[in-house]
């Protein structure tokens, strides 16, 4: 991943509850003392752009979708405890620092073989499985792919998304459902066309959002 791509690794809009306060040298120093290891320079560089959240580049064929930041909110890169998990797996958990995961699986910085240059590993606590993904965090970044789904089209227009919805409805003879603001923080329209679904979203979106309960 090039430096220019690295600048745009984070998704827009930001899901604000997953974004930690701005990363400072004091916060970074305290975090590294807490986990007992120095974090990779590329990871620090990314967290200085945005301290955690959802990313646009994904690891293929995995549920990987975020990189944890450092701070007081969930999820935080420093907030993990393997003590209750050790009895369920046959491999060593000490030395693993999660950067993404859901409690069943994790993508981890793996310091078990090298305290200075961690590998990146995938672990599955339920299946008692571990797998090396990359020899370093930089190599891990090279494996990430831009998450662009097949069949995505772009309409160049100065019209509002509401105006485009009406035009597409007239052209195709369909009716879009009421827009959904919950998933992404902006209007997402869905309409049934023959045996398939059409989704319509704006290109200009808010900087950040919070889902209302």
N, C-alpha and C. Protein backbone atom coordinates (compact mmCIF):
# COMPACT_ATOMS: atom_id res chain seq x y z
N UNK A 1 0.84 -1.19 0.00
CA UNK A 1 0.00 0.00 0.00
C UNK A 1 0.88 1.24 0.00
N UNK A 2 0.67 2.15 -0.95
CA UNK A 2 1.49 3.35 -1.06
C UNK A 2 1.11 4.35 0.04
N UNK A 3 1.99 5.35 0.23
CA UNK A 3 1.72 6.38 1.23
C UNK A 3 0.44 7.15 0.91
N UNK A 4 0.19 7.37 -0.38
CA UNK A 4 -1.02 8.11 -0.77
C UNK A 4 -2.27 7.28 -0.46
N UNK A 5 -2.20 5.96 -0.68
CA UNK A 5 -3.31 5.08 -0.33
C UNK A 5 -3.50 5.03 1.18
N UNK A 6 -2.40 5.06 1.90
CA UNK A 6 -2.45 5.00 3.35
C UNK A 6 -3.24 6.17 3.92
N UNK A 7 -3.15 7.33 3.28
CA UNK A 7 -3.86 8.52 3.74
C UNK A 7 -5.37 8.33 3.69
N UNK A 8 -5.83 7.44 2.81
CA UNK A 8 -7.27 7.25 2.63
C UNK A 8 -7.72 5.86 3.07
N UNK A 9 -7.01 5.28 4.03
CA UNK A 9 -7.36 3.94 4.48
C UNK A 9 -8.67 3.92 5.27
N UNK A 10 -8.99 5.04 5.92
CA UNK A 10 -10.18 5.07 6.77
C UNK A 10 -11.44 5.36 5.96
N UNK A 11 -12.53 4.73 6.35
CA UNK A 11 -13.80 4.96 5.66
C UNK A 11 -14.36 6.33 6.01
N UNK A 12 -15.16 6.85 5.08
CA UNK A 12 -15.89 8.09 5.29
C UNK A 12 -17.36 7.80 5.01
N UNK A 13 -18.29 8.22 5.90
CA UNK A 13 -18.02 8.99 7.11
C UNK A 13 -17.47 8.12 8.23
N UNK A 14 -16.81 8.76 9.18
CA UNK A 14 -16.31 8.04 10.34
C UNK A 14 -17.49 7.59 11.21
N UNK A 15 -17.41 6.34 11.70
CA UNK A 15 -18.35 5.92 12.74
C UNK A 15 -17.76 6.39 14.07
N UNK A 16 -18.21 7.54 14.53
CA UNK A 16 -17.53 8.28 15.60
C UNK A 16 -17.34 7.50 16.90
N UNK A 17 -18.28 6.62 17.33
CA UNK A 17 -18.04 5.88 18.58
C UNK A 17 -16.81 4.98 18.54
N UNK A 18 -16.32 4.61 17.35
CA UNK A 18 -15.14 3.75 17.23
C UNK A 18 -13.85 4.55 17.03
N UNK A 19 -13.96 5.88 16.98
CA UNK A 19 -12.78 6.72 16.79
C UNK A 19 -12.35 7.28 18.13
N UNK A 20 -11.09 7.03 18.49
CA UNK A 20 -10.55 7.49 19.76
C UNK A 20 -10.07 8.95 19.64
N UNK A 21 -9.82 9.61 20.77
CA UNK A 21 -9.23 10.96 20.73
C UNK A 21 -7.91 10.96 19.97
N UNK A 22 -7.51 12.13 19.52
CA UNK A 22 -6.27 12.25 18.74
C UNK A 22 -5.10 11.60 19.45
N UNK A 23 -4.31 10.85 18.69
CA UNK A 23 -3.17 10.14 19.25
C UNK A 23 -2.03 11.12 19.52
N UNK A 24 -1.60 11.18 20.78
CA UNK A 24 -0.46 12.02 21.16
C UNK A 24 0.72 11.14 21.53
N UNK A 25 1.89 11.72 21.65
CA UNK A 25 3.08 10.95 22.02
C UNK A 25 2.92 10.39 23.43
N UNK A 26 2.24 11.14 24.31
CA UNK A 26 2.03 10.66 25.68
C UNK A 26 1.11 9.44 25.69
N UNK A 27 0.01 9.50 24.93
CA UNK A 27 -0.93 8.38 24.85
C UNK A 27 -0.24 7.16 24.25
N UNK A 28 0.55 7.38 23.20
CA UNK A 28 1.27 6.28 22.56
C UNK A 28 2.27 5.64 23.51
N UNK A 29 3.02 6.45 24.22
CA UNK A 29 4.02 5.93 25.16
C UNK A 29 3.36 5.10 26.25
N UNK A 30 2.25 5.59 26.80
CA UNK A 30 1.55 4.86 27.84
C UNK A 30 0.99 3.54 27.32
N UNK A 31 0.45 3.56 26.08
CA UNK A 31 -0.11 2.35 25.49
C UNK A 31 0.97 1.29 25.29
N UNK A 32 2.14 1.69 24.81
CA UNK A 32 3.22 0.74 24.57
C UNK A 32 3.74 0.16 25.88
N UNK A 33 3.74 0.96 26.93
CA UNK A 33 4.12 0.44 28.24
C UNK A 33 3.09 -0.58 28.72
N UNK A 34 1.81 -0.29 28.46
CA UNK A 34 0.74 -1.15 28.93
C UNK A 34 0.77 -2.52 28.25
N UNK A 35 0.99 -2.54 26.92
CA UNK A 35 1.00 -3.82 26.22
C UNK A 35 2.36 -4.49 26.27
N UNK A 36 3.40 -3.72 26.58
CA UNK A 36 4.74 -4.30 26.74
C UNK A 36 5.55 -4.38 25.47
N UNK A 37 5.07 -3.74 24.39
CA UNK A 37 5.78 -3.80 23.11
C UNK A 37 5.65 -2.46 22.39
N UNK A 38 6.63 -2.16 21.52
CA UNK A 38 6.53 -1.01 20.64
C UNK A 38 5.67 -1.37 19.44
N UNK A 39 4.78 -0.49 19.07
CA UNK A 39 3.90 -0.73 17.92
C UNK A 39 4.66 -0.45 16.62
N UNK A 40 4.29 -1.12 15.53
CA UNK A 40 4.95 -0.88 14.24
C UNK A 40 4.78 0.57 13.78
N UNK A 41 5.81 1.10 13.14
CA UNK A 41 5.79 2.50 12.70
C UNK A 41 4.63 2.79 11.76
N UNK A 42 4.34 1.85 10.84
CA UNK A 42 3.25 2.06 9.89
C UNK A 42 1.91 2.14 10.61
N UNK A 43 1.72 1.34 11.65
CA UNK A 43 0.48 1.39 12.41
C UNK A 43 0.36 2.73 13.13
N UNK A 44 1.45 3.20 13.71
CA UNK A 44 1.44 4.50 14.38
C UNK A 44 1.09 5.60 13.39
N UNK A 45 1.67 5.51 12.19
CA UNK A 45 1.39 6.49 11.14
C UNK A 45 -0.10 6.52 10.80
N UNK A 46 -0.71 5.35 10.69
CA UNK A 46 -2.13 5.26 10.38
C UNK A 46 -2.98 5.84 11.51
N UNK A 47 -2.62 5.51 12.76
CA UNK A 47 -3.40 5.98 13.91
C UNK A 47 -3.23 7.47 14.14
N UNK A 48 -2.17 8.07 13.62
CA UNK A 48 -2.03 9.52 13.71
C UNK A 48 -2.94 10.23 12.70
N UNK A 49 -3.27 9.54 11.62
CA UNK A 49 -4.24 10.09 10.65
C UNK A 49 -5.63 10.05 11.25
N UNK A 50 -5.99 8.90 11.82
CA UNK A 50 -7.27 8.72 12.52
C UNK A 50 -7.05 7.62 13.55
N UNK A 51 -7.44 7.89 14.77
CA UNK A 51 -7.13 6.96 15.86
C UNK A 51 -8.22 5.88 15.98
N UNK A 52 -8.21 4.96 15.00
CA UNK A 52 -9.11 3.81 15.03
C UNK A 52 -10.39 4.02 14.24
N UNK A 53 -11.02 2.90 13.86
CA UNK A 53 -12.29 2.96 13.14
C UNK A 53 -12.34 1.96 12.00
N UNK A 54 -13.38 2.10 11.17
CA UNK A 54 -13.55 1.23 10.01
C UNK A 54 -12.63 1.65 8.88
N UNK A 55 -12.15 0.65 8.11
CA UNK A 55 -11.21 0.93 7.02
C UNK A 55 -11.82 0.57 5.67
N UNK A 56 -11.29 1.20 4.61
CA UNK A 56 -11.77 0.96 3.25
C UNK A 56 -11.07 -0.23 2.60
N UNK A 57 -9.89 -0.55 3.08
CA UNK A 57 -9.11 -1.66 2.51
C UNK A 57 -9.26 -2.88 3.42
N UNK A 58 -9.62 -4.02 2.85
CA UNK A 58 -9.95 -5.20 3.64
C UNK A 58 -9.06 -6.39 3.27
N UNK A 59 -8.96 -7.34 4.19
CA UNK A 59 -8.27 -8.60 3.94
C UNK A 59 -9.28 -9.55 3.32
N UNK A 60 -9.01 -9.99 2.11
CA UNK A 60 -9.97 -10.79 1.35
C UNK A 60 -10.39 -12.04 2.10
N UNK A 61 -11.67 -12.39 1.94
CA UNK A 61 -12.25 -13.62 2.48
C UNK A 61 -12.16 -13.70 4.01
N UNK A 62 -12.19 -12.55 4.67
CA UNK A 62 -12.25 -12.49 6.13
C UNK A 62 -13.26 -11.41 6.51
N UNK A 63 -13.73 -11.42 7.77
CA UNK A 63 -14.63 -10.35 8.22
C UNK A 63 -13.88 -9.10 8.67
N UNK A 64 -12.59 -9.03 8.40
CA UNK A 64 -11.77 -7.88 8.80
C UNK A 64 -12.35 -6.59 8.24
N UNK A 65 -12.60 -5.58 9.13
CA UNK A 65 -13.17 -4.33 8.65
C UNK A 65 -12.74 -3.11 9.46
N UNK A 66 -11.87 -3.29 10.44
CA UNK A 66 -11.45 -2.13 11.22
C UNK A 66 -10.03 -2.31 11.73
N UNK A 67 -9.45 -1.21 12.19
CA UNK A 67 -8.21 -1.23 12.95
C UNK A 67 -8.48 -0.47 14.23
N UNK A 68 -8.25 -1.14 15.36
CA UNK A 68 -8.53 -0.51 16.65
C UNK A 68 -7.60 0.66 16.91
N UNK A 69 -8.14 1.68 17.53
CA UNK A 69 -7.33 2.80 17.97
C UNK A 69 -6.90 2.63 19.41
N UNK A 70 -6.30 3.67 19.97
CA UNK A 70 -5.80 3.65 21.35
C UNK A 70 -6.53 4.72 22.13
N UNK A 71 -7.27 4.31 23.17
CA UNK A 71 -7.99 5.30 23.94
C UNK A 71 -9.01 4.69 24.88
N UNK A 72 -9.91 5.54 25.42
CA UNK A 72 -10.84 5.10 26.47
C UNK A 72 -12.08 4.40 25.95
N UNK A 73 -12.34 4.46 24.65
CA UNK A 73 -13.59 3.92 24.12
C UNK A 73 -13.40 2.50 23.59
N UNK A 74 -14.50 1.76 23.50
CA UNK A 74 -14.50 0.44 22.88
C UNK A 74 -14.66 0.59 21.37
N UNK A 75 -13.87 -0.18 20.58
CA UNK A 75 -12.78 -1.08 20.98
C UNK A 75 -11.45 -0.34 21.02
N UNK A 76 -10.59 -0.70 21.95
CA UNK A 76 -9.27 -0.09 22.07
C UNK A 76 -8.19 -1.15 21.94
N UNK A 77 -7.12 -0.79 21.29
CA UNK A 77 -6.01 -1.72 21.04
C UNK A 77 -5.39 -2.22 22.34
N UNK A 78 -5.51 -1.44 23.42
CA UNK A 78 -4.89 -1.84 24.69
C UNK A 78 -5.87 -2.60 25.59
N UNK A 79 -7.12 -2.71 25.21
CA UNK A 79 -8.14 -3.30 26.07
C UNK A 79 -8.39 -4.75 25.69
N UNK A 80 -7.51 -5.64 26.13
CA UNK A 80 -7.70 -7.07 25.86
C UNK A 80 -7.16 -7.87 27.03
N UNK A 81 -7.71 -9.05 27.24
CA UNK A 81 -7.33 -9.91 28.35
C UNK A 81 -7.51 -11.36 27.91
N UNK A 82 -6.40 -12.08 27.82
CA UNK A 82 -6.45 -13.47 27.33
C UNK A 82 -6.66 -14.48 28.45
N UNK A 83 -6.75 -14.04 29.70
CA UNK A 83 -6.73 -14.98 30.82
C UNK A 83 -7.86 -16.02 30.76
N UNK A 84 -9.05 -15.61 30.33
CA UNK A 84 -10.16 -16.55 30.29
C UNK A 84 -10.18 -17.39 29.01
N UNK A 85 -9.34 -17.05 28.04
CA UNK A 85 -9.33 -17.76 26.76
C UNK A 85 -8.27 -18.85 26.68
N UNK A 86 -7.28 -18.80 27.56
CA UNK A 86 -6.13 -19.70 27.44
C UNK A 86 -6.51 -21.17 27.53
N UNK A 87 -7.54 -21.48 28.31
CA UNK A 87 -7.91 -22.89 28.49
C UNK A 87 -8.59 -23.49 27.26
N UNK A 88 -8.98 -22.64 26.30
CA UNK A 88 -9.72 -23.12 25.14
C UNK A 88 -8.85 -23.34 23.91
N UNK A 89 -7.58 -22.93 23.97
CA UNK A 89 -6.71 -23.06 22.80
C UNK A 89 -5.43 -23.79 23.17
N UNK A 90 -4.82 -24.38 22.16
CA UNK A 90 -3.59 -25.15 22.37
C UNK A 90 -2.34 -24.34 22.07
N UNK A 91 -2.49 -23.08 21.67
CA UNK A 91 -1.34 -22.24 21.33
C UNK A 91 -1.22 -21.09 22.34
N UNK A 92 -0.04 -20.48 22.34
CA UNK A 92 0.26 -19.40 23.28
C UNK A 92 -0.45 -18.11 22.88
N UNK A 93 -1.10 -17.45 23.84
CA UNK A 93 -1.78 -16.19 23.57
C UNK A 93 -0.98 -14.97 24.03
N UNK A 94 -0.12 -15.16 25.02
CA UNK A 94 0.73 -14.05 25.46
C UNK A 94 1.65 -13.63 24.32
N UNK A 95 1.69 -12.34 24.05
CA UNK A 95 2.47 -11.83 22.93
C UNK A 95 1.62 -11.48 21.73
N UNK A 96 0.31 -11.74 21.83
CA UNK A 96 -0.62 -11.38 20.76
C UNK A 96 -1.38 -10.11 21.15
N UNK A 97 -1.41 -9.12 20.26
CA UNK A 97 -2.09 -7.85 20.50
C UNK A 97 -3.13 -7.65 19.40
N UNK A 98 -4.43 -7.75 19.72
CA UNK A 98 -5.45 -7.66 18.68
C UNK A 98 -5.55 -6.26 18.08
N UNK A 99 -5.74 -6.22 16.75
CA UNK A 99 -6.05 -4.96 16.08
C UNK A 99 -7.45 -4.99 15.48
N UNK A 100 -8.06 -6.19 15.44
CA UNK A 100 -9.45 -6.35 15.01
C UNK A 100 -9.94 -7.69 15.54
N UNK A 101 -11.25 -7.81 15.73
CA UNK A 101 -11.79 -9.07 16.21
C UNK A 101 -13.16 -8.89 16.83
N UNK A 102 -13.85 -10.01 17.07
CA UNK A 102 -15.21 -9.93 17.60
C UNK A 102 -15.41 -10.78 18.85
N UNK A 103 -14.33 -11.25 19.46
CA UNK A 103 -14.43 -12.10 20.62
C UNK A 103 -14.27 -13.58 20.29
N UNK A 104 -14.52 -13.95 19.04
CA UNK A 104 -14.34 -15.33 18.58
C UNK A 104 -13.07 -15.45 17.75
N UNK A 105 -12.82 -14.47 16.89
CA UNK A 105 -11.63 -14.43 16.05
C UNK A 105 -10.93 -13.09 16.25
N UNK A 106 -9.64 -13.06 15.96
CA UNK A 106 -8.87 -11.82 16.06
C UNK A 106 -7.78 -11.80 14.99
N UNK A 107 -7.48 -10.60 14.50
CA UNK A 107 -6.25 -10.36 13.75
C UNK A 107 -5.32 -9.65 14.72
N UNK A 108 -4.12 -10.21 14.91
CA UNK A 108 -3.23 -9.75 15.98
C UNK A 108 -1.85 -9.38 15.48
N UNK A 109 -1.26 -8.39 16.13
CA UNK A 109 0.18 -8.21 16.07
C UNK A 109 0.78 -9.35 16.89
N UNK A 110 1.71 -10.09 16.30
CA UNK A 110 2.23 -11.31 16.92
C UNK A 110 3.69 -11.12 17.30
N UNK A 111 3.92 -10.86 18.61
CA UNK A 111 5.27 -10.62 19.12
C UNK A 111 5.90 -11.88 19.70
N UNK A 112 5.31 -13.03 19.51
CA UNK A 112 5.77 -14.24 20.17
C UNK A 112 7.16 -14.68 19.72
N UNK A 113 7.53 -14.37 18.47
CA UNK A 113 8.85 -14.76 17.97
C UNK A 113 9.83 -13.60 17.90
N UNK A 114 9.30 -12.38 17.89
CA UNK A 114 10.17 -11.21 17.77
C UNK A 114 9.53 -10.04 18.52
N UNK A 115 10.17 -9.59 19.58
CA UNK A 115 9.62 -8.50 20.39
C UNK A 115 9.67 -7.15 19.70
N UNK A 116 10.49 -7.03 18.66
CA UNK A 116 10.69 -5.74 18.00
C UNK A 116 9.90 -5.60 16.70
N UNK A 117 9.77 -6.68 15.95
CA UNK A 117 9.09 -6.65 14.65
C UNK A 117 8.02 -7.73 14.64
N UNK A 118 6.77 -7.37 15.00
CA UNK A 118 5.73 -8.40 15.09
C UNK A 118 5.28 -8.90 13.73
N UNK A 119 4.97 -10.18 13.68
CA UNK A 119 4.24 -10.71 12.54
C UNK A 119 2.77 -10.33 12.72
N UNK A 120 1.94 -10.69 11.76
CA UNK A 120 0.49 -10.50 11.90
C UNK A 120 -0.15 -11.87 11.75
N UNK A 121 -0.97 -12.26 12.73
CA UNK A 121 -1.56 -13.59 12.76
C UNK A 121 -3.07 -13.51 12.92
N UNK A 122 -3.72 -14.55 12.41
CA UNK A 122 -5.17 -14.74 12.57
C UNK A 122 -5.35 -15.84 13.61
N UNK A 123 -6.20 -15.59 14.61
CA UNK A 123 -6.50 -16.64 15.57
C UNK A 123 -8.00 -16.81 15.69
N UNK A 124 -8.42 -18.04 15.89
CA UNK A 124 -9.83 -18.38 16.09
C UNK A 124 -9.93 -19.13 17.41
N UNK A 125 -10.51 -18.48 18.41
CA UNK A 125 -10.57 -19.08 19.74
C UNK A 125 -11.55 -20.25 19.79
N UNK A 126 -12.63 -20.17 19.03
CA UNK A 126 -13.62 -21.24 19.05
C UNK A 126 -13.12 -22.51 18.38
N UNK A 127 -12.36 -22.34 17.31
CA UNK A 127 -11.88 -23.49 16.54
C UNK A 127 -10.46 -23.90 16.93
N UNK A 128 -9.88 -23.21 17.92
CA UNK A 128 -8.51 -23.51 18.35
C UNK A 128 -7.57 -23.54 17.14
N UNK A 129 -7.57 -22.41 16.43
CA UNK A 129 -6.78 -22.35 15.20
C UNK A 129 -6.00 -21.04 15.15
N UNK A 130 -4.76 -21.11 14.66
CA UNK A 130 -3.97 -19.92 14.42
C UNK A 130 -3.29 -20.03 13.06
N UNK A 131 -3.09 -18.88 12.43
CA UNK A 131 -2.48 -18.87 11.09
C UNK A 131 -1.73 -17.57 10.90
N UNK A 132 -0.50 -17.66 10.43
CA UNK A 132 0.28 -16.45 10.14
C UNK A 132 -0.25 -15.82 8.86
N UNK A 133 -0.49 -14.52 8.91
CA UNK A 133 -0.97 -13.77 7.74
C UNK A 133 0.19 -13.09 7.03
N UNK A 134 1.07 -12.46 7.80
CA UNK A 134 2.17 -11.70 7.20
C UNK A 134 3.36 -11.67 8.14
N UNK A 135 4.55 -11.45 7.58
CA UNK A 135 5.77 -11.39 8.37
C UNK A 135 5.94 -10.08 9.11
N UNK A 136 5.19 -9.06 8.72
CA UNK A 136 5.27 -7.75 9.37
C UNK A 136 3.97 -7.00 9.12
N UNK A 137 3.77 -5.91 9.85
CA UNK A 137 2.56 -5.10 9.63
C UNK A 137 2.60 -4.44 8.26
N UNK A 138 3.77 -4.03 7.82
CA UNK A 138 3.89 -3.43 6.48
C UNK A 138 3.49 -4.44 5.41
N UNK A 139 3.91 -5.70 5.57
CA UNK A 139 3.55 -6.74 4.62
C UNK A 139 2.04 -7.01 4.68
N UNK A 140 1.47 -6.93 5.88
CA UNK A 140 0.03 -7.10 6.05
C UNK A 140 -0.73 -6.04 5.26
N UNK A 141 -0.26 -4.80 5.31
CA UNK A 141 -0.92 -3.71 4.58
C UNK A 141 -0.94 -3.98 3.08
N UNK A 142 0.11 -4.61 2.57
CA UNK A 142 0.19 -4.91 1.15
C UNK A 142 -0.87 -5.93 0.72
N UNK A 143 -1.37 -6.71 1.67
CA UNK A 143 -2.38 -7.73 1.36
C UNK A 143 -3.79 -7.16 1.31
N UNK A 144 -3.99 -5.96 1.84
CA UNK A 144 -5.33 -5.39 1.91
C UNK A 144 -5.77 -4.92 0.53
N UNK A 145 -7.05 -5.09 0.25
CA UNK A 145 -7.62 -4.72 -1.04
C UNK A 145 -8.75 -3.72 -0.83
N UNK A 146 -8.86 -2.77 -1.75
CA UNK A 146 -9.94 -1.79 -1.69
C UNK A 146 -11.28 -2.51 -1.77
N UNK A 147 -12.16 -2.22 -0.83
CA UNK A 147 -13.44 -2.91 -0.75
C UNK A 147 -14.44 -2.27 -1.72
N UNK A 148 -14.39 -2.71 -2.96
CA UNK A 148 -15.33 -2.23 -3.99
C UNK A 148 -16.11 -3.42 -4.51
N UNK A 149 -17.39 -3.41 -4.30
CA UNK A 149 -18.22 -4.54 -4.71
C UNK A 149 -18.46 -4.53 -6.22
N UNK A 150 -18.57 -5.73 -6.79
CA UNK A 150 -18.87 -5.85 -8.21
C UNK A 150 -20.23 -5.23 -8.51
N UNK A 151 -20.33 -4.64 -9.69
CA UNK A 151 -21.62 -4.10 -10.10
C UNK A 151 -21.87 -2.68 -9.63
N UNK A 152 -20.86 -2.01 -9.07
CA UNK A 152 -21.04 -0.64 -8.60
C UNK A 152 -20.85 0.32 -9.77
N UNK A 153 -21.82 1.21 -9.97
CA UNK A 153 -21.78 2.20 -11.04
C UNK A 153 -21.82 3.60 -10.45
N UNK A 154 -21.27 4.57 -11.18
CA UNK A 154 -21.25 5.96 -10.74
C UNK A 154 -22.08 6.80 -11.71
N UNK A 155 -22.99 7.61 -11.17
CA UNK A 155 -23.78 8.53 -11.97
C UNK A 155 -23.24 9.94 -11.74
N UNK A 156 -22.71 10.57 -12.79
CA UNK A 156 -22.21 11.93 -12.67
C UNK A 156 -23.37 12.89 -12.89
N UNK A 157 -23.70 13.65 -11.87
CA UNK A 157 -24.83 14.56 -11.96
C UNK A 157 -24.74 15.61 -10.87
N UNK A 158 -25.38 16.76 -11.11
CA UNK A 158 -25.48 17.81 -10.09
C UNK A 158 -26.79 17.71 -9.32
N UNK A 159 -27.63 16.74 -9.70
CA UNK A 159 -28.91 16.57 -9.02
C UNK A 159 -28.72 16.01 -7.62
N UNK A 160 -29.68 16.23 -6.77
CA UNK A 160 -29.66 15.62 -5.44
C UNK A 160 -29.98 14.14 -5.56
N UNK A 161 -29.67 13.37 -4.53
CA UNK A 161 -29.96 11.95 -4.58
C UNK A 161 -31.47 11.71 -4.65
N UNK A 162 -32.26 12.60 -4.05
CA UNK A 162 -33.71 12.46 -4.11
C UNK A 162 -34.21 12.62 -5.54
N UNK A 163 -33.61 13.57 -6.27
CA UNK A 163 -34.00 13.76 -7.67
C UNK A 163 -33.60 12.56 -8.52
N UNK A 164 -32.42 12.01 -8.24
CA UNK A 164 -31.98 10.82 -8.97
C UNK A 164 -32.88 9.62 -8.70
N UNK A 165 -33.32 9.49 -7.46
CA UNK A 165 -34.22 8.40 -7.10
C UNK A 165 -35.50 8.48 -7.95
N UNK A 166 -36.06 9.67 -8.04
CA UNK A 166 -37.30 9.85 -8.81
C UNK A 166 -37.09 9.53 -10.29
N UNK A 167 -35.95 9.96 -10.85
CA UNK A 167 -35.67 9.71 -12.27
C UNK A 167 -35.50 8.22 -12.54
N UNK A 168 -34.77 7.52 -11.67
CA UNK A 168 -34.56 6.08 -11.87
C UNK A 168 -35.87 5.32 -11.71
N UNK A 169 -36.70 5.76 -10.78
CA UNK A 169 -38.01 5.13 -10.60
C UNK A 169 -38.85 5.25 -11.88
N UNK A 170 -38.81 6.42 -12.50
CA UNK A 170 -39.59 6.64 -13.74
C UNK A 170 -39.03 5.82 -14.89
N UNK A 171 -37.68 5.78 -15.02
CA UNK A 171 -37.06 5.08 -16.14
C UNK A 171 -37.27 3.57 -16.04
N UNK A 172 -37.11 3.02 -14.84
CA UNK A 172 -37.17 1.57 -14.66
C UNK A 172 -38.55 1.07 -14.24
N UNK A 173 -39.43 1.99 -13.89
CA UNK A 173 -40.76 1.57 -13.46
C UNK A 173 -40.74 0.84 -12.13
N UNK A 174 -39.87 1.31 -11.20
CA UNK A 174 -39.76 0.67 -9.89
C UNK A 174 -40.03 1.70 -8.81
N UNK A 175 -40.04 1.26 -7.58
CA UNK A 175 -40.22 2.16 -6.45
C UNK A 175 -39.21 1.83 -5.36
N UNK A 176 -38.42 2.83 -4.99
CA UNK A 176 -37.44 2.64 -3.93
C UNK A 176 -38.11 2.67 -2.57
N UNK A 177 -37.56 1.90 -1.62
CA UNK A 177 -38.05 1.93 -0.25
C UNK A 177 -37.63 3.24 0.42
N UNK A 178 -38.16 3.49 1.62
CA UNK A 178 -37.74 4.66 2.39
C UNK A 178 -36.25 4.56 2.68
N UNK A 179 -35.52 5.65 2.62
CA UNK A 179 -34.06 5.58 2.80
C UNK A 179 -33.68 5.13 4.20
N UNK A 180 -32.56 4.41 4.28
CA UNK A 180 -32.01 3.91 5.54
C UNK A 180 -30.82 4.78 5.92
N UNK A 181 -30.88 5.43 7.08
CA UNK A 181 -29.79 6.27 7.56
C UNK A 181 -28.96 5.57 8.63
N UNK A 182 -29.42 4.41 9.11
CA UNK A 182 -28.79 3.78 10.27
C UNK A 182 -27.43 3.18 9.95
N UNK A 183 -27.31 2.47 8.83
CA UNK A 183 -26.10 1.69 8.55
C UNK A 183 -24.88 2.58 8.36
N UNK A 184 -25.01 3.62 7.54
CA UNK A 184 -23.83 4.40 7.15
C UNK A 184 -23.87 5.85 7.59
N UNK A 185 -24.98 6.30 8.18
CA UNK A 185 -25.06 7.68 8.60
C UNK A 185 -25.52 8.62 7.50
N UNK A 186 -25.85 8.09 6.34
CA UNK A 186 -26.40 8.88 5.24
C UNK A 186 -27.44 8.03 4.52
N UNK A 187 -28.19 8.66 3.63
CA UNK A 187 -29.31 7.98 2.98
C UNK A 187 -28.83 6.86 2.06
N UNK A 188 -29.34 5.66 2.27
CA UNK A 188 -29.13 4.53 1.37
C UNK A 188 -30.48 4.06 0.89
N UNK A 189 -30.70 4.13 -0.43
CA UNK A 189 -31.98 3.74 -1.02
C UNK A 189 -31.87 2.34 -1.59
N UNK A 190 -32.96 1.57 -1.48
CA UNK A 190 -32.99 0.23 -2.03
C UNK A 190 -34.29 0.02 -2.80
N UNK A 191 -34.14 -0.54 -4.02
CA UNK A 191 -35.32 -0.82 -4.84
C UNK A 191 -35.19 -2.14 -5.56
N UNK A 192 -36.29 -2.85 -5.75
CA UNK A 192 -36.28 -4.15 -6.42
C UNK A 192 -36.45 -3.94 -7.92
N UNK A 193 -35.51 -4.50 -8.69
CA UNK A 193 -35.59 -4.43 -10.15
C UNK A 193 -35.48 -5.84 -10.70
N UNK A 194 -36.57 -6.34 -11.29
CA UNK A 194 -36.65 -7.72 -11.75
C UNK A 194 -36.30 -8.66 -10.59
N UNK A 195 -35.26 -9.47 -10.73
CA UNK A 195 -34.91 -10.41 -9.67
C UNK A 195 -33.73 -9.92 -8.81
N UNK A 196 -33.38 -8.66 -8.98
CA UNK A 196 -32.21 -8.13 -8.26
C UNK A 196 -32.59 -6.87 -7.48
N UNK A 197 -31.64 -6.44 -6.65
CA UNK A 197 -31.82 -5.22 -5.88
C UNK A 197 -30.88 -4.14 -6.40
N UNK A 198 -31.34 -2.90 -6.35
CA UNK A 198 -30.51 -1.75 -6.68
C UNK A 198 -30.35 -0.92 -5.41
N UNK A 199 -29.09 -0.58 -5.09
CA UNK A 199 -28.83 0.33 -3.97
C UNK A 199 -28.30 1.65 -4.52
N UNK A 200 -28.77 2.74 -3.97
CA UNK A 200 -28.36 4.06 -4.41
C UNK A 200 -27.90 4.86 -3.19
N UNK A 201 -26.64 5.35 -3.26
CA UNK A 201 -26.09 6.15 -2.17
C UNK A 201 -25.44 7.40 -2.72
N UNK A 202 -25.36 8.47 -1.92
CA UNK A 202 -24.72 9.71 -2.40
C UNK A 202 -23.21 9.58 -2.36
N UNK A 203 -22.52 10.42 -3.14
CA UNK A 203 -21.07 10.43 -3.14
C UNK A 203 -20.52 11.42 -2.11
N UNK A 204 -21.31 12.45 -1.79
CA UNK A 204 -20.93 13.40 -0.76
C UNK A 204 -21.64 13.02 0.52
N UNK A 205 -20.86 12.75 1.55
CA UNK A 205 -21.43 12.25 2.80
C UNK A 205 -20.87 13.04 3.97
N UNK A 206 -21.49 12.93 5.17
CA UNK A 206 -20.97 13.64 6.34
C UNK A 206 -19.57 13.15 6.71
N UNK A 207 -18.87 13.96 7.49
CA UNK A 207 -17.53 13.58 7.96
C UNK A 207 -17.63 12.43 8.95
N UNK A 208 -18.63 12.48 9.82
CA UNK A 208 -18.80 11.44 10.83
C UNK A 208 -20.24 11.32 11.25
N UNK A 209 -20.57 10.22 11.94
CA UNK A 209 -21.94 10.04 12.40
C UNK A 209 -21.96 9.12 13.62
N UNK A 210 -23.07 9.18 14.34
CA UNK A 210 -23.34 8.31 15.49
C UNK A 210 -24.69 7.67 15.26
N UNK A 211 -24.77 6.33 15.40
CA UNK A 211 -26.06 5.66 15.24
C UNK A 211 -26.95 5.94 16.44
N UNK A 212 -28.18 6.34 16.19
CA UNK A 212 -29.12 6.56 17.28
C UNK A 212 -29.78 5.23 17.65
N UNK A 213 -29.88 4.99 18.95
CA UNK A 213 -30.48 3.76 19.43
C UNK A 213 -32.00 3.82 19.30
